[in-house]
Protein backbone atom coordinates (compact mmCIF):
# COMPACT_ATOMS: atom_id res chain seq x y z
CA UNK A 1 -66.07 69.71 -131.40
CA UNK A 2 -69.54 71.20 -130.92
CA UNK A 3 -70.47 74.29 -128.88
CA UNK A 4 -72.82 72.13 -126.81
CA UNK A 5 -69.93 69.97 -125.62
CA UNK A 6 -67.89 72.71 -123.92
CA UNK A 7 -68.09 75.55 -121.43
CA UNK A 8 -65.74 78.49 -122.01
CA UNK A 9 -64.16 79.91 -118.86
CA UNK A 10 -62.15 83.11 -118.62
CA UNK A 11 -59.71 83.77 -115.79
CA UNK A 12 -57.74 86.81 -114.69
CA UNK A 13 -54.86 85.36 -112.73
CA UNK A 14 -56.39 82.42 -110.85
CA UNK A 15 -59.82 84.01 -110.44
CA UNK A 16 -62.73 82.92 -112.65
CA UNK A 17 -64.11 86.13 -114.17
CA UNK A 18 -66.87 84.80 -116.46
CA UNK A 19 -68.06 81.63 -118.12
CA UNK A 20 -70.05 80.92 -121.26
CA UNK A 21 -72.39 77.91 -121.31
CA UNK A 22 -74.22 76.68 -124.45
CA UNK A 23 -78.02 77.05 -124.26
CA UNK A 24 -79.27 75.27 -127.39
CA UNK A 25 -81.26 78.40 -128.34
CA UNK A 26 -80.74 79.53 -131.95
CA UNK A 27 -81.16 83.26 -131.23
CA UNK A 28 -78.98 83.32 -128.09
CA UNK A 29 -76.82 80.19 -128.13
CA UNK A 30 -74.73 81.19 -125.09
CA UNK A 31 -75.45 82.00 -121.46
CA UNK A 32 -72.79 84.16 -119.81
CA UNK A 33 -72.35 83.95 -116.03
CA UNK A 34 -70.58 86.87 -114.40
CA UNK A 35 -70.80 88.15 -110.81
CA UNK A 36 -73.46 85.56 -110.00
CA UNK A 37 -75.82 86.71 -112.78
CA UNK A 38 -76.68 85.11 -116.12
CA UNK A 39 -77.11 86.87 -119.45
CA UNK A 40 -78.07 85.43 -122.84
CA UNK A 41 -75.53 86.18 -125.58
CA UNK A 42 -75.12 85.72 -129.35
CA UNK A 43 -72.22 83.93 -131.04
CA UNK A 44 -70.80 87.24 -132.27
CA UNK A 45 -70.85 88.80 -128.83
CA UNK A 46 -69.11 85.80 -127.27
CA UNK A 47 -66.45 85.80 -130.00
CA UNK A 48 -65.81 89.50 -129.36
CA UNK A 49 -64.98 88.63 -125.74
CA UNK A 50 -63.04 85.42 -126.39
CA UNK A 51 -60.85 86.18 -129.41
CA UNK A 52 -58.93 89.11 -127.87
CA UNK A 53 -57.95 86.90 -124.93
CA UNK A 54 -56.23 84.38 -127.17
CA UNK A 55 -53.33 86.68 -128.08
CA UNK A 56 -50.02 86.59 -126.26
CA UNK A 57 -49.84 89.10 -123.43
CA UNK A 58 -53.58 89.08 -122.67
CA UNK A 59 -54.51 89.64 -119.01
CA UNK A 60 -57.11 86.88 -119.38
CA UNK A 61 -56.69 83.12 -119.78
CA UNK A 62 -59.44 81.35 -121.71
CA UNK A 63 -60.14 77.65 -121.25
CA UNK A 64 -62.64 75.30 -122.90
CA UNK A 65 -63.75 72.59 -120.47
CA UNK A 66 -66.13 69.69 -121.13
CA UNK A 67 -69.74 70.65 -120.33
CA UNK A 68 -70.50 67.16 -119.08
CA UNK A 69 -68.50 64.70 -117.04
CA UNK A 70 -66.69 62.24 -119.32
CA UNK A 71 -67.14 58.57 -118.44
CA UNK A 72 -64.11 57.12 -116.71
CA UNK A 73 -63.20 60.39 -114.91
């Protein structure tokens, strides 16, 4: 599994709160979309937002979805 193959989405309830899309840039490998705006982010920053949501009882649900449509879908 490579970063470039997935988009990370975070939900609160059923509402999409933010998403992280790979950019291919070495300095800022992620683009975060929140409230209709995009921000470039580092791996460390993204991990600081994703890891706490993976514990039981978190208000957020984090999903990794394929960045590109898979053939046959």
